[in-house]
Amino acid sequence: MNGNERKNIAPGLTVDIVLKKDQPTGKLTRGVVKDILTNSATHPHGIKVRLQDGQVGRVKTILPGKTE
């Protein structure tokens, strides 16, 4: 599932995000969503979230069935 729609994302989901510093390379960082930072319903580059470890980035993939 992709991370371009806010309705697909909720706190506790495990996701892969791209951090701002990793945008040129597209390197993904895996973590658990703590907060959703994007207010709009959709975003073409992915919904911006804060992970439980404090990192902020845009969701690229939502991992099914993996919550903490």
N, C-alpha and C. Protein backbone atom coordinates (compact mmCIF):
# COMPACT_ATOMS: atom_id res chain seq x y z
N MET A 1 0.85 -1.17 0.00
CA MET A 1 0.00 0.00 0.00
C MET A 1 0.90 1.24 0.00
N ASN A 2 0.53 2.24 -0.81
CA ASN A 2 1.39 3.42 -0.84
C ASN A 2 0.96 4.44 0.21
N GLY A 3 1.82 5.39 0.45
CA GLY A 3 1.59 6.37 1.52
C GLY A 3 1.15 7.72 1.04
N ASN A 4 0.46 7.79 -0.11
CA ASN A 4 0.03 9.08 -0.64
C ASN A 4 -1.32 9.54 -0.10
N GLU A 5 -2.04 8.66 0.59
CA GLU A 5 -3.35 9.01 1.12
C GLU A 5 -3.34 8.92 2.64
N ARG A 6 -3.78 10.02 3.26
CA ARG A 6 -3.76 10.13 4.73
C ARG A 6 -4.64 9.05 5.39
N LYS A 7 -5.75 8.70 4.73
CA LYS A 7 -6.69 7.73 5.32
C LYS A 7 -6.06 6.35 5.51
N ASN A 8 -4.97 6.05 4.79
CA ASN A 8 -4.30 4.74 4.89
C ASN A 8 -3.31 4.66 6.04
N ILE A 9 -3.05 5.79 6.70
CA ILE A 9 -1.98 5.86 7.69
C ILE A 9 -2.57 6.15 9.07
N ALA A 10 -2.07 5.44 10.07
CA ALA A 10 -2.54 5.65 11.44
C ALA A 10 -1.37 5.41 12.39
N PRO A 11 -1.38 6.05 13.55
CA PRO A 11 -0.35 5.76 14.55
C PRO A 11 -0.30 4.27 14.87
N GLY A 12 0.90 3.74 15.00
CA GLY A 12 1.09 2.33 15.31
C GLY A 12 1.41 1.47 14.10
N LEU A 13 1.19 2.00 12.88
CA LEU A 13 1.52 1.24 11.68
C LEU A 13 3.03 1.26 11.42
N THR A 14 3.54 0.17 10.91
CA THR A 14 4.93 0.11 10.48
C THR A 14 5.01 0.56 9.03
N VAL A 15 5.90 1.52 8.76
CA VAL A 15 5.99 2.11 7.42
C VAL A 15 7.46 2.27 7.01
N ASP A 16 7.68 2.43 5.71
CA ASP A 16 8.98 2.85 5.18
C ASP A 16 8.84 4.29 4.75
N ILE A 17 9.76 5.15 5.22
CA ILE A 17 9.73 6.56 4.86
C ILE A 17 11.04 6.97 4.21
N VAL A 18 11.00 8.09 3.51
CA VAL A 18 12.21 8.71 2.99
C VAL A 18 12.45 9.98 3.81
N LEU A 19 13.59 10.04 4.47
CA LEU A 19 13.97 11.23 5.23
C LEU A 19 14.37 12.33 4.27
N LYS A 20 14.28 13.59 4.71
CA LYS A 20 14.64 14.74 3.87
C LYS A 20 16.07 14.58 3.32
N LYS A 21 17.00 14.17 4.19
CA LYS A 21 18.40 14.03 3.77
C LYS A 21 18.61 12.90 2.76
N ASP A 22 17.66 11.95 2.72
CA ASP A 22 17.78 10.80 1.82
C ASP A 22 16.98 10.95 0.53
N GLN A 23 16.33 12.09 0.33
CA GLN A 23 15.52 12.26 -0.88
C GLN A 23 16.31 12.08 -2.17
N PRO A 24 17.55 12.57 -2.28
CA PRO A 24 18.29 12.37 -3.54
C PRO A 24 18.56 10.90 -3.86
N THR A 25 18.75 10.07 -2.83
CA THR A 25 19.06 8.65 -3.06
C THR A 25 17.83 7.76 -2.98
N GLY A 26 16.79 8.21 -2.29
CA GLY A 26 15.59 7.39 -2.12
C GLY A 26 15.74 6.32 -1.06
N LYS A 27 16.77 6.41 -0.21
CA LYS A 27 16.98 5.42 0.85
C LYS A 27 15.80 5.41 1.81
N LEU A 28 15.30 4.21 2.11
CA LEU A 28 14.14 4.07 2.98
C LEU A 28 14.56 3.80 4.42
N THR A 29 13.75 4.32 5.34
CA THR A 29 13.93 4.10 6.77
C THR A 29 12.65 3.50 7.30
N ARG A 30 12.76 2.40 8.03
CA ARG A 30 11.57 1.70 8.56
C ARG A 30 11.34 2.12 10.00
N GLY A 31 10.05 2.29 10.33
CA GLY A 31 9.71 2.64 11.70
C GLY A 31 8.21 2.59 11.92
N VAL A 32 7.82 2.92 13.14
CA VAL A 32 6.41 2.90 13.54
C VAL A 32 5.91 4.34 13.66
N VAL A 33 4.76 4.61 13.04
CA VAL A 33 4.20 5.96 13.03
C VAL A 33 3.79 6.39 14.44
N LYS A 34 4.25 7.59 14.83
CA LYS A 34 3.82 8.20 16.09
C LYS A 34 2.79 9.29 15.80
N ASP A 35 3.10 10.21 14.86
CA ASP A 35 2.22 11.33 14.52
C ASP A 35 2.14 11.48 13.01
N ILE A 36 0.97 11.91 12.54
CA ILE A 36 0.79 12.28 11.13
C ILE A 36 0.91 13.79 11.05
N LEU A 37 1.84 14.28 10.22
CA LEU A 37 2.12 15.71 10.16
C LEU A 37 1.45 16.42 8.99
N THR A 38 1.08 15.70 7.93
CA THR A 38 0.41 16.30 6.78
C THR A 38 -1.08 16.42 7.08
N ASN A 39 -1.63 17.62 6.88
CA ASN A 39 -3.06 17.83 7.15
C ASN A 39 -3.96 17.49 5.97
N SER A 40 -3.43 17.60 4.74
CA SER A 40 -4.27 17.36 3.57
C SER A 40 -4.55 15.86 3.41
N ALA A 41 -5.60 15.54 2.67
CA ALA A 41 -6.02 14.14 2.48
C ALA A 41 -5.02 13.34 1.65
N THR A 42 -4.35 14.01 0.69
CA THR A 42 -3.36 13.33 -0.15
C THR A 42 -2.14 14.23 -0.34
N HIS A 43 -1.05 13.61 -0.73
CA HIS A 43 0.16 14.36 -1.08
C HIS A 43 0.91 13.53 -2.12
N PRO A 44 1.32 14.14 -3.24
CA PRO A 44 1.94 13.37 -4.32
C PRO A 44 3.26 12.71 -3.95
N HIS A 45 3.97 13.24 -2.95
CA HIS A 45 5.27 12.66 -2.55
C HIS A 45 5.16 11.79 -1.31
N GLY A 46 3.96 11.64 -0.77
CA GLY A 46 3.76 10.84 0.44
C GLY A 46 3.39 11.70 1.62
N ILE A 47 2.61 11.14 2.52
CA ILE A 47 2.17 11.83 3.73
C ILE A 47 3.36 11.92 4.69
N LYS A 48 3.56 13.11 5.25
CA LYS A 48 4.68 13.30 6.18
C LYS A 48 4.28 12.83 7.58
N VAL A 49 5.15 12.00 8.18
CA VAL A 49 4.89 11.46 9.52
C VAL A 49 6.14 11.59 10.40
N ARG A 50 5.89 11.50 11.70
CA ARG A 50 6.98 11.39 12.68
C ARG A 50 6.94 9.98 13.22
N LEU A 51 8.09 9.31 13.20
CA LEU A 51 8.19 7.95 13.73
C LEU A 51 8.36 8.00 15.25
N GLN A 52 8.18 6.86 15.90
CA GLN A 52 8.32 6.80 17.36
C GLN A 52 9.72 7.17 17.82
N ASP A 53 10.73 7.01 16.96
CA ASP A 53 12.09 7.39 17.35
C ASP A 53 12.39 8.86 17.05
N GLY A 54 11.39 9.62 16.55
CA GLY A 54 11.55 11.05 16.33
C GLY A 54 11.91 11.46 14.91
N GLN A 55 12.24 10.51 14.04
CA GLN A 55 12.60 10.85 12.67
C GLN A 55 11.35 11.25 11.89
N VAL A 56 11.52 12.22 10.96
CA VAL A 56 10.40 12.73 10.17
C VAL A 56 10.69 12.48 8.70
N GLY A 57 9.69 11.99 7.98
CA GLY A 57 9.84 11.77 6.54
C GLY A 57 8.51 11.48 5.89
N ARG A 58 8.55 11.24 4.58
CA ARG A 58 7.34 10.98 3.82
C ARG A 58 7.18 9.48 3.58
N VAL A 59 5.95 8.99 3.82
CA VAL A 59 5.65 7.56 3.72
C VAL A 59 5.72 7.12 2.26
N LYS A 60 6.48 6.08 2.00
CA LYS A 60 6.56 5.47 0.68
C LYS A 60 5.79 4.15 0.63
N THR A 61 5.89 3.35 1.66
CA THR A 61 5.13 2.10 1.72
C THR A 61 4.61 1.87 3.13
N ILE A 62 3.45 1.22 3.18
CA ILE A 62 2.85 0.83 4.45
C ILE A 62 2.94 -0.69 4.50
N LEU A 63 3.52 -1.21 5.55
CA LEU A 63 3.73 -2.65 5.65
C LEU A 63 2.48 -3.30 6.26
N PRO A 64 1.91 -4.27 5.56
CA PRO A 64 0.66 -4.88 6.03
C PRO A 64 0.85 -5.76 7.26
N GLY A 65 -0.09 -5.64 8.18
CA GLY A 65 -0.15 -6.54 9.32
C GLY A 65 0.98 -6.41 10.31
N LYS A 66 1.74 -5.33 10.26
CA LYS A 66 2.85 -5.17 11.20
C LYS A 66 2.61 -3.92 12.02
N THR A 67 2.09 -4.10 13.23
CA THR A 67 1.89 -2.98 14.14
C THR A 67 2.49 -3.35 15.49
N GLU A 68 2.80 -2.33 16.25
CA GLU A 68 3.35 -2.58 17.59
C GLU A 68 2.40 -2.05 18.63
